[in-house]
Full PDB file with SEQRES, HELIX, SHEET, SSBOND, CRYST1, ORIGX, SCALE, CONECT and MASTER records, all heavy atoms in Angstrom:
SEQRES   1 A   38  ASN THR VAL TYR LEU GLN MET ASN SER LEU LYS PRO GLU          
SEQRES   2 A   38  ASP THR ALA VAL TYR TYR CYS ALA ALA ARG PRO GLN PHE          
SEQRES   3 A   38  PRO LEU ALA THR GLU ARG ALA ARG THR ALA ALA ASP              
HELIX    1 AA1 PRO A   12  ASP A   14  5                                   3    
HELIX    2 AA2 THR A   30  ARG A   32  5                                   3    
CRYST1    1.000    1.000    1.000  90.00  90.00  90.00 P 1           1          
ORIGX1      1.000000  0.000000  0.000000        0.00000                         
ORIGX2      0.000000  1.000000  0.000000        0.00000                         
ORIGX3      0.000000  0.000000  1.000000        0.00000                         
SCALE1      1.000000  0.000000  0.000000        0.00000                         
SCALE2      0.000000  1.000000  0.000000        0.00000                         
SCALE3      0.000000  0.000000  1.000000        0.00000                         
ATOM      1  N   ASN A   1       0.832  -1.218   0.000  1.00  0.00           N  
ATOM      2  CA  ASN A   1       0.000   0.000   0.000  1.00  0.00           C  
ATOM      3  C   ASN A   1       0.861   1.259   0.000  1.00  0.00           C  
ATOM      4  O   ASN A   1       0.572   2.234   0.716  1.00  0.00           O  
ATOM      5  CB  ASN A   1      -0.934   0.020   1.217  1.00  0.00           C  
ATOM      6  CG  ASN A   1      -2.084  -0.947   1.082  1.00  0.00           C  
ATOM      7  OD1 ASN A   1      -2.353  -1.468   0.004  1.00  0.00           O  
ATOM      8  ND2 ASN A   1      -2.770  -1.198   2.174  1.00  0.00           N  
ATOM      9  N   THR A   2       1.890   1.261  -0.815  1.00  0.00           N  
ATOM     10  CA  THR A   2       2.874   2.344  -0.774  1.00  0.00           C  
ATOM     11  C   THR A   2       3.188   2.856  -2.169  1.00  0.00           C  
ATOM     12  O   THR A   2       3.338   2.068  -3.113  1.00  0.00           O  
ATOM     13  CB  THR A   2       4.170   1.878  -0.090  1.00  0.00           C  
ATOM     14  OG1 THR A   2       3.871   1.398   1.221  1.00  0.00           O  
ATOM     15  CG2 THR A   2       5.167   3.019   0.021  1.00  0.00           C  
ATOM     16  N   VAL A   3       3.288   4.183  -2.276  1.00  0.00           N  
ATOM     17  CA  VAL A   3       3.765   4.858  -3.474  1.00  0.00           C  
ATOM     18  C   VAL A   3       5.080   5.547  -3.126  1.00  0.00           C  
ATOM     19  O   VAL A   3       5.206   6.121  -2.041  1.00  0.00           O  
ATOM     20  CB  VAL A   3       2.741   5.885  -3.991  1.00  0.00           C  
ATOM     21  CG1 VAL A   3       3.314   6.681  -5.156  1.00  0.00           C  
ATOM     22  CG2 VAL A   3       1.456   5.197  -4.411  1.00  0.00           C  
ATOM     23  N   TYR A   4       6.026   5.483  -4.047  1.00  0.00           N  
ATOM     24  CA  TYR A   4       7.347   6.059  -3.813  1.00  0.00           C  
ATOM     25  C   TYR A   4       7.627   7.173  -4.822  1.00  0.00           C  
ATOM     26  O   TYR A   4       7.084   7.182  -5.918  1.00  0.00           O  
ATOM     27  CB  TYR A   4       8.425   4.987  -3.967  1.00  0.00           C  
ATOM     28  CG  TYR A   4       8.247   3.796  -3.072  1.00  0.00           C  
ATOM     29  CD1 TYR A   4       7.645   2.631  -3.550  1.00  0.00           C  
ATOM     30  CD2 TYR A   4       8.679   3.819  -1.751  1.00  0.00           C  
ATOM     31  CE1 TYR A   4       7.477   1.523  -2.735  1.00  0.00           C  
ATOM     32  CE2 TYR A   4       8.521   2.715  -0.921  1.00  0.00           C  
ATOM     33  CZ  TYR A   4       7.918   1.570  -1.419  1.00  0.00           C  
ATOM     34  OH  TYR A   4       7.754   0.474  -0.607  1.00  0.00           O  
ATOM     35  N   LEU A   5       8.519   8.057  -4.427  1.00  0.00           N  
ATOM     36  CA  LEU A   5       9.064   9.056  -5.352  1.00  0.00           C  
ATOM     37  C   LEU A   5      10.567   9.086  -5.141  1.00  0.00           C  
ATOM     38  O   LEU A   5      11.039   9.580  -4.121  1.00  0.00           O  
ATOM     39  CB  LEU A   5       8.456  10.437  -5.122  1.00  0.00           C  
ATOM     40  CG  LEU A   5       8.910  11.496  -6.127  1.00  0.00           C  
ATOM     41  CD1 LEU A   5       8.344  11.188  -7.521  1.00  0.00           C  
ATOM     42  CD2 LEU A   5       8.476  12.900  -5.699  1.00  0.00           C  
ATOM     43  N   GLN A   6      11.288   8.521  -6.092  1.00  0.00           N  
ATOM     44  CA  GLN A   6      12.748   8.553  -6.064  1.00  0.00           C  
ATOM     45  C   GLN A   6      13.199   9.844  -6.744  1.00  0.00           C  
ATOM     46  O   GLN A   6      12.869  10.080  -7.909  1.00  0.00           O  
ATOM     47  CB  GLN A   6      13.328   7.348  -6.784  1.00  0.00           C  
ATOM     48  CG  GLN A   6      14.840   7.340  -6.858  1.00  0.00           C  
ATOM     49  CD  GLN A   6      15.496   7.178  -5.496  1.00  0.00           C  
ATOM     50  OE1 GLN A   6      15.074   6.344  -4.700  1.00  0.00           O  
ATOM     51  NE2 GLN A   6      16.530   7.973  -5.233  1.00  0.00           N  
ATOM     52  N   MET A   7      13.942  10.660  -6.013  1.00  0.00           N  
ATOM     53  CA  MET A   7      14.372  11.957  -6.524  1.00  0.00           C  
ATOM     54  C   MET A   7      15.891  11.977  -6.609  1.00  0.00           C  
ATOM     55  O   MET A   7      16.576  11.856  -5.591  1.00  0.00           O  
ATOM     56  CB  MET A   7      13.871  13.075  -5.606  1.00  0.00           C  
ATOM     57  CG  MET A   7      12.363  13.055  -5.383  1.00  0.00           C  
ATOM     58  SD  MET A   7      11.782  14.455  -4.415  1.00  0.00           S  
ATOM     59  CE  MET A   7      12.544  14.123  -2.853  1.00  0.00           C  
ATOM     60  N   ASN A   8      16.405  12.101  -7.809  1.00  0.00           N  
ATOM     61  CA  ASN A   8      17.840  12.154  -8.055  1.00  0.00           C  
ATOM     62  C   ASN A   8      18.227  13.510  -8.625  1.00  0.00           C  
ATOM     63  O   ASN A   8      17.380  14.262  -9.113  1.00  0.00           O  
ATOM     64  CB  ASN A   8      18.255  11.056  -9.017  1.00  0.00           C  
ATOM     65  CG  ASN A   8      17.963   9.667  -8.492  1.00  0.00           C  
ATOM     66  OD1 ASN A   8      18.022   9.412  -7.288  1.00  0.00           O  
ATOM     67  ND2 ASN A   8      17.664   8.747  -9.388  1.00  0.00           N  
ATOM     68  N   SER A   9      19.522  13.806  -8.578  1.00  0.00           N  
ATOM     69  CA  SER A   9      20.044  15.066  -9.124  1.00  0.00           C  
ATOM     70  C   SER A   9      19.236  16.248  -8.624  1.00  0.00           C  
ATOM     71  O   SER A   9      18.829  17.119  -9.412  1.00  0.00           O  
ATOM     72  CB  SER A   9      20.031  15.017 -10.657  1.00  0.00           C  
ATOM     73  OG  SER A   9      20.799  13.931 -11.135  1.00  0.00           O  
ATOM     74  N   LEU A  10      19.021  16.297  -7.346  1.00  0.00           N  
ATOM     75  CA  LEU A  10      18.177  17.342  -6.775  1.00  0.00           C  
ATOM     76  C   LEU A  10      18.795  18.725  -6.931  1.00  0.00           C  
ATOM     77  O   LEU A  10      20.022  18.889  -6.892  1.00  0.00           O  
ATOM     78  CB  LEU A  10      17.905  17.053  -5.303  1.00  0.00           C  
ATOM     79  CG  LEU A  10      16.848  15.963  -5.062  1.00  0.00           C  
ATOM     80  CD1 LEU A  10      16.952  15.401  -3.663  1.00  0.00           C  
ATOM     81  CD2 LEU A  10      15.452  16.517  -5.316  1.00  0.00           C  
ATOM     82  N   LYS A  11      17.918  19.702  -7.124  1.00  0.00           N  
ATOM     83  CA  LYS A  11      18.318  21.089  -7.318  1.00  0.00           C  
ATOM     84  C   LYS A  11      17.691  21.947  -6.216  1.00  0.00           C  
ATOM     85  O   LYS A  11      16.649  21.579  -5.667  1.00  0.00           O  
ATOM     86  CB  LYS A  11      17.832  21.582  -8.675  1.00  0.00           C  
ATOM     87  CG  LYS A  11      18.275  20.747  -9.851  1.00  0.00           C  
ATOM     88  CD  LYS A  11      17.635  21.256 -11.136  1.00  0.00           C  
ATOM     89  CE  LYS A  11      18.039  20.408 -12.336  1.00  0.00           C  
ATOM     90  NZ  LYS A  11      17.422  20.897 -13.592  1.00  0.00           N  
ATOM     91  N   PRO A  12      18.279  23.099  -5.922  1.00  0.00           N  
ATOM     92  CA  PRO A  12      17.668  23.977  -4.910  1.00  0.00           C  
ATOM     93  C   PRO A  12      16.215  24.322  -5.231  1.00  0.00           C  
ATOM     94  O   PRO A  12      15.396  24.466  -4.310  1.00  0.00           O  
ATOM     95  CB  PRO A  12      18.569  25.214  -4.952  1.00  0.00           C  
ATOM     96  CG  PRO A  12      19.903  24.683  -5.356  1.00  0.00           C  
ATOM     97  CD  PRO A  12      19.597  23.584  -6.335  1.00  0.00           C  
ATOM     98  N   GLU A  13      15.873  24.420  -6.495  1.00  0.00           N  
ATOM     99  CA  GLU A  13      14.501  24.754  -6.868  1.00  0.00           C  
ATOM    100  C   GLU A  13      13.525  23.611  -6.623  1.00  0.00           C  
ATOM    101  O   GLU A  13      12.316  23.784  -6.781  1.00  0.00           O  
ATOM    102  CB  GLU A  13      14.421  25.214  -8.326  1.00  0.00           C  
ATOM    103  CG  GLU A  13      15.079  24.300  -9.326  1.00  0.00           C  
ATOM    104  CD  GLU A  13      16.495  24.735  -9.681  1.00  0.00           C  
ATOM    105  OE1 GLU A  13      17.264  25.106  -8.758  1.00  0.00           O  
ATOM    106  OE2 GLU A  13      16.829  24.659 -10.869  1.00  0.00           O  
ATOM    107  N   ASP A  14      14.023  22.450  -6.240  1.00  0.00           N  
ATOM    108  CA  ASP A  14      13.140  21.348  -5.843  1.00  0.00           C  
ATOM    109  C   ASP A  14      12.676  21.483  -4.388  1.00  0.00           C  
ATOM    110  O   ASP A  14      11.844  20.709  -3.927  1.00  0.00           O  
ATOM    111  CB  ASP A  14      13.846  20.000  -6.010  1.00  0.00           C  
ATOM    112  CG  ASP A  14      14.147  19.666  -7.457  1.00  0.00           C  
ATOM    113  OD1 ASP A  14      13.276  19.909  -8.320  1.00  0.00           O  
ATOM    114  OD2 ASP A  14      15.252  19.165  -7.727  1.00  0.00           O  
ATOM    115  N   THR A  15      13.218  22.454  -3.675  1.00  0.00           N  
ATOM    116  CA  THR A  15      12.841  22.665  -2.286  1.00  0.00           C  
ATOM    117  C   THR A  15      11.355  22.997  -2.181  1.00  0.00           C  
ATOM    118  O   THR A  15      10.872  23.917  -2.836  1.00  0.00           O  
ATOM    119  CB  THR A  15      13.674  23.799  -1.676  1.00  0.00           C  
ATOM    120  OG1 THR A  15      15.053  23.390  -1.624  1.00  0.00           O  
ATOM    121  CG2 THR A  15      13.202  24.128  -0.265  1.00  0.00           C  
ATOM    122  N   ALA A  16      10.642  22.239  -1.361  1.00  0.00           N  
ATOM    123  CA  ALA A  16       9.199  22.422  -1.216  1.00  0.00           C  
ATOM    124  C   ALA A  16       8.677  21.422  -0.196  1.00  0.00           C  
ATOM    125  O   ALA A  16       9.394  20.514   0.231  1.00  0.00           O  
ATOM    126  CB  ALA A  16       8.488  22.206  -2.551  1.00  0.00           C  
ATOM    127  N   VAL A  17       7.417  21.593   0.172  1.00  0.00           N  
ATOM    128  CA  VAL A  17       6.705  20.536   0.889  1.00  0.00           C  
ATOM    129  C   VAL A  17       6.105  19.616  -0.172  1.00  0.00           C  
ATOM    130  O   VAL A  17       5.423  20.082  -1.095  1.00  0.00           O  
ATOM    131  CB  VAL A  17       5.596  21.105   1.796  1.00  0.00           C  
ATOM    132  CG1 VAL A  17       4.829  19.963   2.465  1.00  0.00           C  
ATOM    133  CG2 VAL A  17       6.198  22.035   2.847  1.00  0.00           C  
ATOM    134  N   TYR A  18       6.369  18.339  -0.044  1.00  0.00           N  
ATOM    135  CA  TYR A  18       5.887  17.353  -1.003  1.00  0.00           C  
ATOM    136  C   TYR A  18       4.676  16.617  -0.419  1.00  0.00           C  
ATOM    137  O   TYR A  18       4.724  16.128   0.714  1.00  0.00           O  
ATOM    138  CB  TYR A  18       6.996  16.370  -1.354  1.00  0.00           C  
ATOM    139  CG  TYR A  18       7.989  16.945  -2.328  1.00  0.00           C  
ATOM    140  CD1 TYR A  18       8.866  17.963  -1.939  1.00  0.00           C  
ATOM    141  CD2 TYR A  18       8.045  16.515  -3.654  1.00  0.00           C  
ATOM    142  CE1 TYR A  18       9.756  18.523  -2.830  1.00  0.00           C  
ATOM    143  CE2 TYR A  18       8.945  17.058  -4.552  1.00  0.00           C  
ATOM    144  CZ  TYR A  18       9.800  18.071  -4.136  1.00  0.00           C  
ATOM    145  OH  TYR A  18      10.683  18.617  -5.026  1.00  0.00           O  
ATOM    146  N   TYR A  19       3.633  16.550  -1.224  1.00  0.00           N  
ATOM    147  CA  TYR A  19       2.383  15.937  -0.798  1.00  0.00           C  
ATOM    148  C   TYR A  19       2.066  14.709  -1.647  1.00  0.00           C  
ATOM    149  O   TYR A  19       2.160  14.751  -2.877  1.00  0.00           O  
ATOM    150  CB  TYR A  19       1.226  16.920  -0.937  1.00  0.00           C  
ATOM    151  CG  TYR A  19       1.322  18.127  -0.043  1.00  0.00           C  
ATOM    152  CD1 TYR A  19       1.947  19.290  -0.481  1.00  0.00           C  
ATOM    153  CD2 TYR A  19       0.771  18.106   1.238  1.00  0.00           C  
ATOM    154  CE1 TYR A  19       2.039  20.406   0.336  1.00  0.00           C  
ATOM    155  CE2 TYR A  19       0.854  19.222   2.062  1.00  0.00           C  
ATOM    156  CZ  TYR A  19       1.486  20.359   1.605  1.00  0.00           C  
ATOM    157  OH  TYR A  19       1.571  21.460   2.420  1.00  0.00           O  
ATOM    158  N   CYS A  20       1.664  13.662  -0.974  1.00  0.00           N  
ATOM    159  CA  CYS A  20       1.144  12.476  -1.643  1.00  0.00           C  
ATOM    160  C   CYS A  20      -0.347  12.660  -1.859  1.00  0.00           C  
ATOM    161  O   CYS A  20      -1.038  13.257  -1.020  1.00  0.00           O  
ATOM    162  CB  CYS A  20       1.407  11.258  -0.764  1.00  0.00           C  
ATOM    163  SG  CYS A  20       0.768   9.708  -1.400  1.00  0.00           S  
ATOM    164  N   ALA A  21      -0.855  12.161  -2.971  1.00  0.00           N  
ATOM    165  CA  ALA A  21      -2.276  12.290  -3.288  1.00  0.00           C  
ATOM    166  C   ALA A  21      -2.779  10.999  -3.920  1.00  0.00           C  
ATOM    167  O   ALA A  21      -2.000  10.225  -4.483  1.00  0.00           O  
ATOM    168  CB  ALA A  21      -2.505  13.465  -4.233  1.00  0.00           C  
ATOM    169  N   ALA A  22      -4.090  10.790  -3.834  1.00  0.00           N  
ATOM    170  CA  ALA A  22      -4.701   9.607  -4.444  1.00  0.00           C  
ATOM    171  C   ALA A  22      -6.074   9.972  -4.992  1.00  0.00           C  
ATOM    172  O   ALA A  22      -6.728  10.911  -4.511  1.00  0.00           O  
ATOM    173  CB  ALA A  22      -4.821   8.481  -3.417  1.00  0.00           C  
ATOM    174  N   ARG A  23      -6.514   9.224  -5.982  1.00  0.00           N  
ATOM    175  CA  ARG A  23      -7.820   9.446  -6.612  1.00  0.00           C  
ATOM    176  C   ARG A  23      -8.295   8.125  -7.194  1.00  0.00           C  
ATOM    177  O   ARG A  23      -7.478   7.257  -7.519  1.00  0.00           O  
ATOM    178  CB  ARG A  23      -7.678  10.475  -7.728  1.00  0.00           C  
ATOM    179  CG  ARG A  23      -6.755  10.015  -8.835  1.00  0.00           C  
ATOM    180  CD  ARG A  23      -6.667  11.010  -9.988  1.00  0.00           C  
ATOM    181  NE  ARG A  23      -5.788  10.486 -11.037  1.00  0.00           N  
ATOM    182  CZ  ARG A  23      -6.213   9.705 -12.017  1.00  0.00           C  
ATOM    183  NH1 ARG A  23      -7.485   9.359 -12.116  1.00  0.00           N  
ATOM    184  NH2 ARG A  23      -5.362   9.281 -12.931  1.00  0.00           N  
ATOM    185  N   PRO A  24      -9.577   7.959  -7.349  1.00  0.00           N  
ATOM    186  CA  PRO A  24     -10.060   6.772  -8.057  1.00  0.00           C  
ATOM    187  C   PRO A  24      -9.461   6.740  -9.461  1.00  0.00           C  
ATOM    188  O   PRO A  24      -9.305   7.789 -10.097  1.00  0.00           O  
ATOM    189  CB  PRO A  24     -11.575   6.967  -8.093  1.00  0.00           C  
ATOM    190  CG  PRO A  24     -11.858   7.840  -6.923  1.00  0.00           C  
ATOM    191  CD  PRO A  24     -10.676   8.771  -6.829  1.00  0.00           C  
ATOM    192  N   GLN A  25      -9.076   5.596  -9.920  1.00  0.00           N  
ATOM    193  CA  GLN A  25      -8.383   5.484 -11.196  1.00  0.00           C  
ATOM    194  C   GLN A  25      -9.204   6.049 -12.353  1.00  0.00           C  
ATOM    195  O   GLN A  25      -8.644   6.718 -13.238  1.00  0.00           O  
ATOM    196  CB  GLN A  25      -8.051   4.023 -11.478  1.00  0.00           C  
ATOM    197  CG  GLN A  25      -7.431   3.809 -12.856  1.00  0.00           C  
ATOM    198  CD  GLN A  25      -6.096   4.509 -12.992  1.00  0.00           C  
ATOM    199  OE1 GLN A  25      -5.181   4.283 -12.220  1.00  0.00           O  
ATOM    200  NE2 GLN A  25      -5.957   5.380 -13.998  1.00  0.00           N  
ATOM    201  N   PHE A  26     -10.487   5.777 -12.384  1.00  0.00           N  
ATOM    202  CA  PHE A  26     -11.319   6.210 -13.521  1.00  0.00           C  
ATOM    203  C   PHE A  26     -12.188   7.382 -13.118  1.00  0.00           C  
ATOM    204  O   PHE A  26     -12.539   7.559 -11.961  1.00  0.00           O  
ATOM    205  CB  PHE A  26     -12.167   5.040 -14.009  1.00  0.00           C  
ATOM    206  CG  PHE A  26     -11.344   3.874 -14.449  1.00  0.00           C  
ATOM    207  CD1 PHE A  26     -11.191   2.766 -13.646  1.00  0.00           C  
ATOM    208  CD2 PHE A  26     -10.687   3.909 -15.670  1.00  0.00           C  
ATOM    209  CE1 PHE A  26     -10.422   1.702 -14.038  1.00  0.00           C  
ATOM    210  CE2 PHE A  26      -9.911   2.839 -16.078  1.00  0.00           C  
ATOM    211  CZ  PHE A  26      -9.778   1.735 -15.260  1.00  0.00           C  
ATOM    212  N   PRO A  27     -12.602   8.248 -14.068  1.00  0.00           N  
ATOM    213  CA  PRO A  27     -12.420   8.076 -15.512  1.00  0.00           C  
ATOM    214  C   PRO A  27     -11.202   8.777 -16.094  1.00  0.00           C  
ATOM    215  O   PRO A  27     -10.920   8.646 -17.286  1.00  0.00           O  
ATOM    216  CB  PRO A  27     -13.684   8.730 -16.070  1.00  0.00           C  
ATOM    217  CG  PRO A  27     -13.949   9.847 -15.105  1.00  0.00           C  
ATOM    218  CD  PRO A  27     -13.525   9.329 -13.755  1.00  0.00           C  
ATOM    219  N   LEU A  28     -10.454   9.513 -15.276  1.00  0.00           N  
ATOM    220  CA  LEU A  28      -9.383  10.336 -15.813  1.00  0.00           C  
ATOM    221  C   LEU A  28      -8.120   9.502 -16.027  1.00  0.00           C  
ATOM    222  O   LEU A  28      -7.668   8.799 -15.109  1.00  0.00           O  
ATOM    223  CB  LEU A  28      -9.108  11.481 -14.850  1.00  0.00           C  
ATOM    224  CG  LEU A  28      -8.389  12.712 -15.376  1.00  0.00           C  
ATOM    225  CD1 LEU A  28      -9.165  13.328 -16.538  1.00  0.00           C  
ATOM    226  CD2 LEU A  28      -8.218  13.736 -14.280  1.00  0.00           C  
ATOM    227  N   ALA A  29      -7.541   9.586 -17.193  1.00  0.00           N  
ATOM    228  CA  ALA A  29      -6.307   8.874 -17.490  1.00  0.00           C  
ATOM    229  C   ALA A  29      -5.136   9.476 -16.728  1.00  0.00           C  
ATOM    230  O   ALA A  29      -5.148  10.672 -16.404  1.00  0.00           O  
ATOM    231  CB  ALA A  29      -6.026   8.909 -18.991  1.00  0.00           C  
ATOM    232  N   THR A  30      -4.143   8.665 -16.449  1.00  0.00           N  
ATOM    233  CA  THR A  30      -3.002   9.094 -15.648  1.00  0.00           C  
ATOM    234  C   THR A  30      -2.338  10.335 -16.238  1.00  0.00           C  
ATOM    235  O   THR A  30      -2.007  11.280 -15.514  1.00  0.00           O  
ATOM    236  CB  THR A  30      -1.977   7.955 -15.555  1.00  0.00           C  
ATOM    237  OG1 THR A  30      -2.611   6.817 -14.958  1.00  0.00           O  
ATOM    238  CG2 THR A  30      -0.774   8.348 -14.725  1.00  0.00           C  
ATOM    239  N   GLU A  31      -2.158  10.354 -17.532  1.00  0.00           N  
ATOM    240  CA  GLU A  31      -1.458  11.456 -18.184  1.00  0.00           C  
ATOM    241  C   GLU A  31      -2.227  12.773 -18.052  1.00  0.00           C  
ATOM    242  O   GLU A  31      -1.632  13.862 -18.105  1.00  0.00           O  
ATOM    243  CB  GLU A  31      -1.237  11.118 -19.663  1.00  0.00           C  
ATOM    244  CG  GLU A  31      -0.547  12.179 -20.480  1.00  0.00           C  
ATOM    245  CD  GLU A  31       0.857  12.501 -19.971  1.00  0.00           C  
ATOM    246  OE1 GLU A  31       1.518  11.593 -19.435  1.00  0.00           O  
ATOM    247  OE2 GLU A  31       1.273  13.664 -20.101  1.00  0.00           O  
ATOM    248  N   ARG A  32      -3.548  12.703 -17.866  1.00  0.00           N  
ATOM    249  CA  ARG A  32      -4.355  13.922 -17.842  1.00  0.00           C  
ATOM    250  C   ARG A  32      -4.635  14.421 -16.425  1.00  0.00           C  
ATOM    251  O   ARG A  32      -5.115  15.535 -16.255  1.00  0.00           O  
ATOM    252  CB  ARG A  32      -5.674  13.666 -18.557  1.00  0.00           C  
ATOM    253  CG  ARG A  32      -5.485  13.291 -20.020  1.00  0.00           C  
ATOM    254  CD  ARG A  32      -6.799  13.225 -20.746  1.00  0.00           C  
ATOM    255  NE  ARG A  32      -7.433  14.531 -20.821  1.00  0.00           N  
ATOM    256  CZ  ARG A  32      -8.604  14.761 -21.397  1.00  0.00           C  
ATOM    257  NH1 ARG A  32      -9.263  13.758 -21.943  1.00  0.00           N  
ATOM    258  NH2 ARG A  32      -9.112  15.964 -21.425  1.00  0.00           N  
ATOM    259  N   ALA A  33      -4.350  13.625 -15.416  1.00  0.00           N  
ATOM    260  CA  ALA A  33      -4.627  14.024 -14.027  1.00  0.00           C  
ATOM    261  C   ALA A  33      -3.430  14.793 -13.495  1.00  0.00           C  
ATOM    262  O   ALA A  33      -2.499  14.200 -12.936  1.00  0.00           O  
ATOM    263  CB  ALA A  33      -4.910  12.801 -13.179  1.00  0.00           C  
ATOM    264  N   ARG A  34      -3.434  16.112 -13.682  1.00  0.00           N  
ATOM    265  CA  ARG A  34      -2.275  16.919 -13.345  1.00  0.00           C  
ATOM    266  C   ARG A  34      -2.587  18.133 -12.485  1.00  0.00           C  
ATOM    267  O   ARG A  34      -1.719  18.986 -12.272  1.00  0.00           O  
ATOM    268  CB  ARG A  34      -1.574  17.385 -14.627  1.00  0.00           C  
ATOM    269  CG  ARG A  34      -0.877  16.266 -15.388  1.00  0.00           C  
ATOM    270  CD  ARG A  34      -0.326  16.744 -16.721  1.00  0.00           C  
ATOM    271  NE  ARG A  34       0.441  15.684 -17.379  1.00  0.00           N  
ATOM    272  CZ  ARG A  34       1.761  15.580 -17.343  1.00  0.00           C  
ATOM    273  NH1 ARG A  34       2.466  16.472 -16.695  1.00  0.00           N  
ATOM    274  NH2 ARG A  34       2.387  14.585 -17.966  1.00  0.00           N  
ATOM    275  N   THR A  35      -3.782  18.252 -11.973  1.00  0.00           N  
ATOM    276  CA  THR A  35      -4.105  19.360 -11.089  1.00  0.00           C  
ATOM    277  C   THR A  35      -4.538  18.830  -9.729  1.00  0.00           C  
ATOM    278  O   THR A  35      -5.014  17.697  -9.599  1.00  0.00           O  
ATOM    279  CB  THR A  35      -5.230  20.236 -11.657  1.00  0.00           C  
ATOM    280  OG1 THR A  35      -6.471  19.513 -11.590  1.00  0.00           O  
ATOM    281  CG2 THR A  35      -4.951  20.625 -13.104  1.00  0.00           C  
ATOM    282  N   ALA A  36      -4.401  19.689  -8.708  1.00  0.00           N  
ATOM    283  CA  ALA A  36      -4.781  19.288  -7.358  1.00  0.00           C  
ATOM    284  C   ALA A  36      -6.262  18.925  -7.292  1.00  0.00           C  
ATOM    285  O   ALA A  36      -6.657  18.047  -6.525  1.00  0.00           O  
ATOM    286  CB  ALA A  36      -4.446  20.401  -6.369  1.00  0.00           C  
ATOM    287  N   ALA A  37      -7.065  19.579  -8.117  1.00  0.00           N  
ATOM    288  CA  ALA A  37      -8.507  19.317  -8.100  1.00  0.00           C  
ATOM    289  C   ALA A  37      -8.845  17.913  -8.593  1.00  0.00           C  
ATOM    290  O   ALA A  37      -9.937  17.400  -8.321  1.00  0.00           O  
ATOM    291  CB  ALA A  37      -9.231  20.354  -8.958  1.00  0.00           C  
ATOM    292  N   ASP A  38      -7.917  17.279  -9.310  1.00  0.00           N  
ATOM    293  CA  ASP A  38      -8.160  15.920  -9.815  1.00  0.00           C  
ATOM    294  C   ASP A  38      -8.017  14.873  -8.721  1.00  0.00           C  
ATOM    295  O   ASP A  38      -8.416  13.723  -8.918  1.00  0.00           O  
ATOM    296  CB  ASP A  38      -7.184  15.607 -10.940  1.00  0.00           C  
ATOM    297  CG  ASP A  38      -7.400  16.458 -12.169  1.00  0.00           C  
ATOM    298  OD1 ASP A  38      -8.564  16.804 -12.454  1.00  0.00           O  
ATOM    299  OD2 ASP A  38      -6.404  16.792 -12.846  1.00  0.00           O  
TER     300      ASP A  38                                                      
MASTER        0    0    0    2    0    0    0    6  299    1    0    3          
END                                                                             
């Protein structure tokens, strides 16, 4: 029950609070789900 984010070659501009999110798989395709509202 785990999702990972491997982050390499980190840059100062990557500094932030990182949030994990989840949504029902359908109907939105993975490539199109790119906003917080999704």
